[in-house]
């Protein structure tokens, strides 16, 4: 039992390191000030602290910023289950903006719904966090494709 827990912990740490390395290579995530949160097989959280540079004309988080972290959370969630030697790309997504995105930060939670040989379907929930209160602000469904990783 201890051995499998140790192996699971090592696998979890290796997965986290792999996704963190890929996340850190994303210039847009760095530009926006986003950070990687929880990483688990088929599930990734992306956090975006509020900044005036991320707002639209009413001072709310811009829908583009909301969509961007949702796309990243979904893509990295799919990446946790991509076959060896492959990476992922978004093929399409549909996002519903449910409420004004206002608060101290946004959190996008990508969850793999179905993994196929070529395509992966992901759902992403985006919440605004403000004074300890969480408000759902967006829901995304995303299709991701596995492609051979030619960067190595």
N, C-alpha and C. Protein backbone atom coordinates (compact mmCIF):
# COMPACT_ATOMS: atom_id res chain seq x y z
N UNK A 1 0.82 -1.19 0.00
CA UNK A 1 0.00 0.00 0.00
C UNK A 1 0.87 1.25 0.00
N UNK A 2 1.90 1.29 0.83
CA UNK A 2 2.78 2.45 0.88
C UNK A 2 3.49 2.64 -0.46
N UNK A 3 3.89 1.53 -1.09
CA UNK A 3 4.58 1.65 -2.37
C UNK A 3 3.69 2.28 -3.43
N UNK A 4 2.42 1.90 -3.51
CA UNK A 4 1.55 2.49 -4.53
C UNK A 4 1.27 3.96 -4.21
N UNK A 5 1.16 4.30 -2.95
CA UNK A 5 0.98 5.71 -2.59
C UNK A 5 2.20 6.51 -3.01
N UNK A 6 3.39 5.96 -2.77
CA UNK A 6 4.62 6.65 -3.17
C UNK A 6 4.66 6.80 -4.67
N UNK A 7 4.32 5.74 -5.41
CA UNK A 7 4.31 5.81 -6.87
C UNK A 7 3.28 6.83 -7.34
N UNK A 8 2.09 6.82 -6.71
CA UNK A 8 1.06 7.79 -7.08
C UNK A 8 1.54 9.21 -6.82
N UNK A 9 2.22 9.41 -5.68
CA UNK A 9 2.74 10.74 -5.34
C UNK A 9 3.79 11.17 -6.35
N UNK A 10 4.67 10.25 -6.72
CA UNK A 10 5.69 10.57 -7.71
C UNK A 10 5.05 10.86 -9.07
N UNK A 11 4.06 10.05 -9.45
CA UNK A 11 3.37 10.29 -10.70
C UNK A 11 2.66 11.64 -10.68
N UNK A 12 2.03 11.97 -9.56
CA UNK A 12 1.34 13.25 -9.43
C UNK A 12 2.33 14.40 -9.51
N UNK A 13 3.48 14.25 -8.86
CA UNK A 13 4.51 15.29 -8.90
C UNK A 13 5.07 15.45 -10.31
N UNK A 14 5.30 14.33 -10.99
CA UNK A 14 5.82 14.38 -12.36
C UNK A 14 4.80 15.03 -13.30
N UNK A 15 3.53 14.70 -13.12
CA UNK A 15 2.47 15.30 -13.94
C UNK A 15 2.42 16.80 -13.69
N UNK A 16 2.45 17.20 -12.43
CA UNK A 16 2.43 18.62 -12.07
C UNK A 16 3.61 19.34 -12.71
N UNK A 17 4.81 18.76 -12.59
CA UNK A 17 6.01 19.38 -13.17
C UNK A 17 5.89 19.52 -14.68
N UNK A 18 5.36 18.49 -15.33
CA UNK A 18 5.22 18.52 -16.80
C UNK A 18 4.27 19.63 -17.23
N UNK A 19 3.11 19.71 -16.56
CA UNK A 19 2.12 20.73 -16.92
C UNK A 19 2.65 22.12 -16.56
N UNK A 20 3.32 22.26 -15.43
CA UNK A 20 3.89 23.56 -15.04
C UNK A 20 4.91 24.03 -16.07
N UNK A 21 5.75 23.12 -16.55
CA UNK A 21 6.74 23.48 -17.57
C UNK A 21 6.06 23.98 -18.84
N UNK A 22 5.03 23.28 -19.27
CA UNK A 22 4.30 23.71 -20.46
C UNK A 22 3.58 25.03 -20.22
N UNK A 23 2.96 25.18 -19.07
CA UNK A 23 2.26 26.42 -18.71
C UNK A 23 3.24 27.60 -18.73
N UNK A 24 4.42 27.39 -18.17
CA UNK A 24 5.43 28.45 -18.11
C UNK A 24 5.91 28.88 -19.49
N UNK A 25 5.77 28.01 -20.49
CA UNK A 25 6.17 28.34 -21.87
C UNK A 25 5.12 29.19 -22.58
N UNK A 26 3.95 29.37 -21.96
CA UNK A 26 2.88 30.15 -22.57
C UNK A 26 3.09 31.64 -22.30
N UNK A 27 3.50 32.35 -23.31
CA UNK A 27 3.72 33.78 -23.18
C UNK A 27 2.46 34.54 -22.80
N UNK A 28 1.30 34.09 -23.30
CA UNK A 28 0.06 34.79 -22.99
C UNK A 28 -0.31 34.63 -21.51
N UNK A 29 -0.12 33.44 -20.97
CA UNK A 29 -0.42 33.23 -19.54
C UNK A 29 0.47 34.15 -18.70
N UNK A 30 1.74 34.24 -19.06
CA UNK A 30 2.69 35.10 -18.34
C UNK A 30 2.26 36.57 -18.50
N UNK A 31 1.90 36.96 -19.70
CA UNK A 31 1.49 38.34 -19.98
C UNK A 31 0.26 38.73 -19.15
N UNK A 32 -0.70 37.81 -19.04
CA UNK A 32 -1.93 38.10 -18.30
C UNK A 32 -1.73 38.05 -16.79
N UNK A 33 -0.67 37.38 -16.34
CA UNK A 33 -0.45 37.21 -14.90
C UNK A 33 -1.16 35.98 -14.34
N UNK A 34 -1.54 35.06 -15.22
CA UNK A 34 -2.23 33.83 -14.79
C UNK A 34 -1.23 32.90 -14.11
N UNK A 35 -1.77 32.04 -13.24
CA UNK A 35 -0.91 31.04 -12.59
C UNK A 35 -1.62 29.70 -12.58
N UNK A 36 -0.82 28.68 -12.60
CA UNK A 36 -1.34 27.31 -12.57
C UNK A 36 -1.73 26.95 -11.15
N UNK A 37 -2.91 26.35 -11.00
CA UNK A 37 -3.37 25.88 -9.69
C UNK A 37 -3.25 24.37 -9.62
N UNK A 38 -4.30 23.74 -9.16
CA UNK A 38 -4.33 22.28 -8.99
C UNK A 38 -4.15 21.58 -10.34
N UNK A 39 -3.39 20.49 -10.31
CA UNK A 39 -3.20 19.64 -11.49
C UNK A 39 -3.44 18.20 -11.05
N UNK A 40 -4.33 17.51 -11.75
CA UNK A 40 -4.60 16.10 -11.51
C UNK A 40 -4.93 15.49 -12.87
N UNK A 41 -4.89 14.18 -12.98
CA UNK A 41 -5.23 13.56 -14.26
C UNK A 41 -6.63 14.00 -14.73
N UNK A 42 -6.66 14.66 -15.88
CA UNK A 42 -7.93 15.10 -16.46
C UNK A 42 -8.51 16.35 -15.84
N UNK A 43 -7.75 17.03 -14.98
CA UNK A 43 -8.29 18.21 -14.30
C UNK A 43 -7.17 19.22 -14.03
N UNK A 44 -7.43 20.48 -14.44
CA UNK A 44 -6.45 21.54 -14.21
C UNK A 44 -7.18 22.83 -13.85
N UNK A 45 -6.62 23.56 -12.88
CA UNK A 45 -7.14 24.87 -12.47
C UNK A 45 -6.16 25.95 -12.94
N UNK A 46 -6.71 27.04 -13.45
CA UNK A 46 -5.91 28.21 -13.81
C UNK A 46 -6.52 29.41 -13.08
N UNK A 47 -5.66 30.20 -12.42
CA UNK A 47 -6.08 31.36 -11.65
C UNK A 47 -5.63 32.64 -12.36
N UNK A 48 -6.48 33.65 -12.31
CA UNK A 48 -6.15 34.94 -12.90
C UNK A 48 -6.50 36.05 -11.91
N UNK A 49 -5.48 36.63 -11.26
CA UNK A 49 -5.75 37.74 -10.33
C UNK A 49 -6.25 38.97 -11.10
N UNK A 50 -7.09 39.76 -10.45
CA UNK A 50 -7.60 40.97 -11.08
C UNK A 50 -6.47 41.96 -11.33
N UNK A 51 -6.54 42.62 -12.46
CA UNK A 51 -5.65 43.74 -12.79
C UNK A 51 -6.44 44.68 -13.70
N UNK A 52 -6.25 45.97 -13.56
CA UNK A 52 -6.97 46.92 -14.42
C UNK A 52 -6.74 46.67 -15.91
N UNK A 53 -5.61 46.09 -16.26
CA UNK A 53 -5.30 45.81 -17.67
C UNK A 53 -6.13 44.67 -18.24
N UNK A 54 -6.89 43.96 -17.40
CA UNK A 54 -7.70 42.82 -17.84
C UNK A 54 -9.17 43.17 -17.98
N UNK A 55 -9.51 44.45 -17.88
CA UNK A 55 -10.91 44.85 -17.82
C UNK A 55 -11.44 45.36 -19.16
N UNK A 56 -12.76 45.40 -19.22
CA UNK A 56 -13.43 46.05 -20.33
C UNK A 56 -13.92 47.41 -19.84
N UNK A 57 -14.75 48.08 -20.61
CA UNK A 57 -15.12 49.47 -20.33
C UNK A 57 -15.88 49.70 -19.02
N UNK A 58 -16.47 48.66 -18.44
CA UNK A 58 -17.20 48.80 -17.17
C UNK A 58 -16.37 48.40 -15.96
N UNK A 59 -15.11 48.02 -16.20
CA UNK A 59 -14.24 47.63 -15.10
C UNK A 59 -14.35 46.17 -14.70
N UNK A 60 -15.10 45.39 -15.47
CA UNK A 60 -15.22 43.94 -15.23
C UNK A 60 -14.10 43.22 -15.96
N UNK A 61 -13.81 41.97 -15.54
CA UNK A 61 -12.88 41.17 -16.33
C UNK A 61 -13.41 41.12 -17.76
N UNK A 62 -12.54 41.31 -18.72
CA UNK A 62 -12.92 41.24 -20.14
C UNK A 62 -13.26 39.80 -20.50
N UNK A 63 -14.25 39.62 -21.37
CA UNK A 63 -14.63 38.27 -21.82
C UNK A 63 -13.46 37.57 -22.49
N UNK A 64 -12.57 38.34 -23.11
CA UNK A 64 -11.39 37.74 -23.73
C UNK A 64 -10.46 37.11 -22.70
N UNK A 65 -10.30 37.77 -21.56
CA UNK A 65 -9.47 37.21 -20.49
C UNK A 65 -10.13 35.97 -19.90
N UNK A 66 -11.44 36.04 -19.72
CA UNK A 66 -12.19 34.90 -19.19
C UNK A 66 -12.06 33.71 -20.14
N UNK A 67 -12.26 33.96 -21.43
CA UNK A 67 -12.16 32.89 -22.44
C UNK A 67 -10.75 32.32 -22.53
N UNK A 68 -9.77 33.19 -22.40
CA UNK A 68 -8.38 32.75 -22.52
C UNK A 68 -7.99 31.78 -21.42
N UNK A 69 -8.34 32.11 -20.17
CA UNK A 69 -7.96 31.17 -19.10
C UNK A 69 -8.81 29.91 -19.15
N UNK A 70 -10.03 30.01 -19.65
CA UNK A 70 -10.86 28.81 -19.82
C UNK A 70 -10.22 27.89 -20.86
N UNK A 71 -9.79 28.47 -21.98
CA UNK A 71 -9.13 27.69 -23.03
C UNK A 71 -7.87 27.03 -22.50
N UNK A 72 -7.10 27.76 -21.70
CA UNK A 72 -5.86 27.20 -21.14
C UNK A 72 -6.16 26.07 -20.17
N UNK A 73 -7.12 26.27 -19.28
CA UNK A 73 -7.46 25.22 -18.30
C UNK A 73 -7.92 23.95 -19.01
N UNK A 74 -8.75 24.11 -20.03
CA UNK A 74 -9.23 22.95 -20.78
C UNK A 74 -8.11 22.26 -21.54
N UNK A 75 -7.27 23.04 -22.19
CA UNK A 75 -6.16 22.46 -22.94
C UNK A 75 -5.18 21.72 -22.06
N UNK A 76 -4.84 22.31 -20.92
CA UNK A 76 -3.91 21.63 -20.02
C UNK A 76 -4.54 20.42 -19.35
N UNK A 77 -5.85 20.46 -19.10
CA UNK A 77 -6.53 19.27 -18.58
C UNK A 77 -6.43 18.14 -19.60
N UNK A 78 -6.65 18.46 -20.86
CA UNK A 78 -6.52 17.44 -21.93
C UNK A 78 -5.07 16.96 -22.03
N UNK A 79 -4.12 17.87 -21.84
CA UNK A 79 -2.71 17.51 -21.94
C UNK A 79 -2.33 16.48 -20.88
N UNK A 80 -3.00 16.50 -19.72
CA UNK A 80 -2.68 15.53 -18.68
C UNK A 80 -2.99 14.10 -19.13
N UNK A 81 -3.81 13.96 -20.18
CA UNK A 81 -4.19 12.63 -20.66
C UNK A 81 -3.78 12.37 -22.10
N UNK A 82 -2.96 13.26 -22.65
CA UNK A 82 -2.50 13.08 -24.03
C UNK A 82 -1.55 11.88 -24.10
N UNK A 83 -1.58 11.15 -25.21
CA UNK A 83 -0.66 10.02 -25.37
C UNK A 83 0.80 10.49 -25.34
N UNK A 84 1.69 9.60 -24.94
CA UNK A 84 3.12 9.92 -24.96
C UNK A 84 3.52 10.39 -26.35
N UNK A 85 4.37 11.41 -26.40
CA UNK A 85 4.86 11.92 -27.67
C UNK A 85 3.88 12.85 -28.38
N UNK A 86 2.80 13.21 -27.70
CA UNK A 86 1.79 14.08 -28.29
C UNK A 86 1.61 15.35 -27.45
N UNK A 87 1.10 16.36 -28.10
CA UNK A 87 0.67 17.58 -27.42
C UNK A 87 -0.77 17.83 -27.87
N UNK A 88 -1.34 18.95 -27.47
CA UNK A 88 -2.74 19.21 -27.80
C UNK A 88 -2.93 20.60 -28.38
N UNK A 89 -4.00 20.74 -29.14
CA UNK A 89 -4.43 22.03 -29.68
C UNK A 89 -5.94 22.12 -29.57
N UNK A 90 -6.45 23.32 -29.34
CA UNK A 90 -7.90 23.52 -29.34
C UNK A 90 -8.40 23.45 -30.78
N UNK A 91 -9.50 22.73 -30.96
CA UNK A 91 -10.15 22.65 -32.26
C UNK A 91 -11.34 23.61 -32.30
N UNK A 92 -12.12 23.58 -31.23
CA UNK A 92 -13.24 24.52 -31.12
C UNK A 92 -13.64 24.63 -29.67
N UNK A 93 -14.32 25.73 -29.35
CA UNK A 93 -14.95 25.84 -28.05
C UNK A 93 -16.15 26.76 -28.15
N UNK A 94 -17.05 26.51 -27.22
CA UNK A 94 -18.24 27.35 -27.08
C UNK A 94 -18.27 27.77 -25.63
N UNK A 95 -18.40 29.08 -25.42
CA UNK A 95 -18.42 29.58 -24.05
C UNK A 95 -19.72 30.35 -23.82
N UNK A 96 -20.33 30.08 -22.68
CA UNK A 96 -21.48 30.84 -22.23
C UNK A 96 -21.02 31.71 -21.08
N UNK A 97 -21.23 33.01 -21.22
CA UNK A 97 -20.91 33.96 -20.15
C UNK A 97 -22.16 34.08 -19.30
N UNK A 98 -22.07 33.63 -18.05
CA UNK A 98 -23.24 33.48 -17.18
C UNK A 98 -23.54 34.69 -16.32
N UNK A 99 -22.52 35.44 -15.97
CA UNK A 99 -22.68 36.60 -15.08
C UNK A 99 -21.50 37.53 -15.28
N UNK A 100 -21.64 38.79 -14.89
CA UNK A 100 -20.49 39.70 -14.98
C UNK A 100 -19.32 39.14 -14.17
N UNK A 101 -18.15 39.17 -14.77
CA UNK A 101 -16.95 38.63 -14.12
C UNK A 101 -16.27 39.74 -13.34
N UNK A 102 -16.62 39.82 -12.06
CA UNK A 102 -16.03 40.85 -11.20
C UNK A 102 -15.52 40.17 -9.93
N UNK A 103 -14.43 40.69 -9.44
CA UNK A 103 -13.91 40.14 -8.20
C UNK A 103 -12.41 40.27 -8.11
N UNK A 104 -11.86 39.60 -7.11
CA UNK A 104 -10.42 39.63 -6.84
C UNK A 104 -9.65 38.76 -7.82
N UNK A 105 -10.30 37.71 -8.31
CA UNK A 105 -9.64 36.80 -9.26
C UNK A 105 -10.69 35.94 -9.95
N UNK A 106 -10.24 35.29 -11.02
CA UNK A 106 -11.03 34.27 -11.70
C UNK A 106 -10.32 32.94 -11.54
N UNK A 107 -11.10 31.87 -11.49
CA UNK A 107 -10.54 30.53 -11.47
C UNK A 107 -11.26 29.72 -12.54
N UNK A 108 -10.48 29.17 -13.47
CA UNK A 108 -11.01 28.29 -14.51
C UNK A 108 -10.62 26.86 -14.15
N UNK A 109 -11.62 25.97 -14.17
CA UNK A 109 -11.38 24.56 -13.82
C UNK A 109 -11.75 23.72 -15.04
N UNK A 110 -10.72 23.15 -15.67
CA UNK A 110 -10.93 22.29 -16.82
C UNK A 110 -11.03 20.85 -16.39
N UNK A 111 -12.04 20.15 -16.89
CA UNK A 111 -12.28 18.75 -16.54
C UNK A 111 -12.53 17.96 -17.82
N UNK A 112 -11.70 16.95 -18.06
CA UNK A 112 -11.89 16.09 -19.23
C UNK A 112 -13.19 15.31 -19.05
N UNK A 113 -14.03 15.34 -20.08
CA UNK A 113 -15.29 14.60 -20.08
C UNK A 113 -15.12 13.27 -20.80
N UNK A 114 -14.41 13.30 -21.92
CA UNK A 114 -14.18 12.07 -22.69
C UNK A 114 -12.87 12.20 -23.46
N UNK A 115 -12.05 11.18 -23.35
CA UNK A 115 -10.79 11.13 -24.09
C UNK A 115 -10.91 10.08 -25.18
N UNK A 116 -10.64 10.49 -26.40
CA UNK A 116 -10.62 9.56 -27.52
C UNK A 116 -9.20 9.44 -28.06
N UNK A 117 -9.04 8.66 -29.10
CA UNK A 117 -7.72 8.47 -29.69
C UNK A 117 -7.20 9.78 -30.27
N UNK A 118 -8.09 10.55 -30.89
CA UNK A 118 -7.69 11.79 -31.54
C UNK A 118 -8.25 13.02 -30.85
N UNK A 119 -9.51 12.98 -30.46
CA UNK A 119 -10.18 14.13 -29.87
C UNK A 119 -10.51 13.92 -28.39
N UNK A 120 -10.43 15.00 -27.65
CA UNK A 120 -10.79 15.00 -26.23
C UNK A 120 -11.82 16.09 -26.01
N UNK A 121 -12.87 15.78 -25.26
CA UNK A 121 -13.91 16.75 -24.93
C UNK A 121 -13.70 17.19 -23.49
N UNK A 122 -13.71 18.51 -23.29
CA UNK A 122 -13.44 19.09 -21.98
C UNK A 122 -14.56 20.07 -21.62
N UNK A 123 -14.89 20.12 -20.35
CA UNK A 123 -15.79 21.15 -19.83
C UNK A 123 -14.98 22.04 -18.91
N UNK A 124 -15.20 23.34 -19.00
CA UNK A 124 -14.49 24.29 -18.15
C UNK A 124 -15.51 25.17 -17.44
N UNK A 125 -15.38 25.24 -16.12
CA UNK A 125 -16.19 26.14 -15.31
C UNK A 125 -15.29 27.29 -14.87
N UNK A 126 -15.77 28.51 -15.03
CA UNK A 126 -15.02 29.68 -14.59
C UNK A 126 -15.82 30.38 -13.49
N UNK A 127 -15.13 30.66 -12.39
CA UNK A 127 -15.75 31.32 -11.24
C UNK A 127 -15.00 32.60 -10.92
N UNK A 128 -15.74 33.61 -10.50
CA UNK A 128 -15.14 34.82 -9.94
C UNK A 128 -15.09 34.65 -8.43
N UNK A 129 -13.97 35.02 -7.85
CA UNK A 129 -13.79 34.94 -6.40
C UNK A 129 -13.72 36.35 -5.85
N UNK A 130 -14.56 36.65 -4.87
CA UNK A 130 -14.60 37.99 -4.30
C UNK A 130 -15.05 37.93 -2.84
N UNK A 131 -14.18 38.38 -1.96
CA UNK A 131 -14.48 38.44 -0.52
C UNK A 131 -15.00 37.10 0.01
N UNK A 132 -14.35 36.01 -0.42
CA UNK A 132 -14.73 34.69 0.05
C UNK A 132 -15.93 34.09 -0.64
N UNK A 133 -16.54 34.82 -1.55
CA UNK A 133 -17.72 34.33 -2.27
C UNK A 133 -17.30 33.91 -3.68
N UNK A 134 -17.87 32.81 -4.15
CA UNK A 134 -17.59 32.29 -5.49
C UNK A 134 -18.84 32.43 -6.34
N UNK A 135 -18.68 33.01 -7.53
CA UNK A 135 -19.80 33.20 -8.45
C UNK A 135 -19.46 32.57 -9.79
N UNK A 136 -20.29 31.64 -10.30
CA UNK A 136 -20.05 31.10 -11.64
C UNK A 136 -20.22 32.22 -12.68
N UNK A 137 -19.21 32.39 -13.54
CA UNK A 137 -19.29 33.45 -14.55
C UNK A 137 -19.24 32.94 -15.98
N UNK A 138 -18.77 31.70 -16.19
CA UNK A 138 -18.70 31.18 -17.55
C UNK A 138 -18.67 29.65 -17.53
N UNK A 139 -19.16 29.09 -18.61
CA UNK A 139 -19.15 27.65 -18.83
C UNK A 139 -18.71 27.41 -20.26
N UNK A 140 -17.68 26.60 -20.43
CA UNK A 140 -17.14 26.32 -21.75
C UNK A 140 -17.18 24.83 -22.04
N UNK A 141 -17.51 24.48 -23.27
CA UNK A 141 -17.30 23.12 -23.78
C UNK A 141 -16.28 23.25 -24.89
N UNK A 142 -15.31 22.35 -24.87
CA UNK A 142 -14.14 22.48 -25.73
C UNK A 142 -13.79 21.14 -26.36
N UNK A 143 -13.36 21.20 -27.61
CA UNK A 143 -12.83 20.02 -28.30
C UNK A 143 -11.35 20.24 -28.52
N UNK A 144 -10.56 19.26 -28.12
CA UNK A 144 -9.11 19.31 -28.20
C UNK A 144 -8.63 18.17 -29.09
N UNK A 145 -7.60 18.43 -29.91
CA UNK A 145 -7.02 17.38 -30.74
C UNK A 145 -5.62 17.04 -30.23
N UNK A 146 -5.32 15.74 -30.23
CA UNK A 146 -3.97 15.27 -29.93
C UNK A 146 -3.17 15.30 -31.23
N UNK A 147 -1.98 15.92 -31.17
CA UNK A 147 -1.10 15.98 -32.33
C UNK A 147 0.31 15.57 -31.91
N UNK A 148 1.08 14.98 -32.82
CA UNK A 148 2.46 14.63 -32.47
C UNK A 148 3.24 15.87 -32.03
N UNK A 149 4.00 15.72 -30.95
CA UNK A 149 4.81 16.81 -30.42
C UNK A 149 6.11 16.86 -31.19
N UNK A 150 6.29 17.89 -31.97
CA UNK A 150 7.49 18.02 -32.81
C UNK A 150 8.48 19.00 -32.21
N UNK A 151 8.26 19.41 -30.94
CA UNK A 151 9.17 20.36 -30.30
C UNK A 151 10.37 19.67 -29.67
N UNK A 152 10.30 18.37 -29.52
CA UNK A 152 11.41 17.65 -28.84
C UNK A 152 12.52 17.33 -29.79
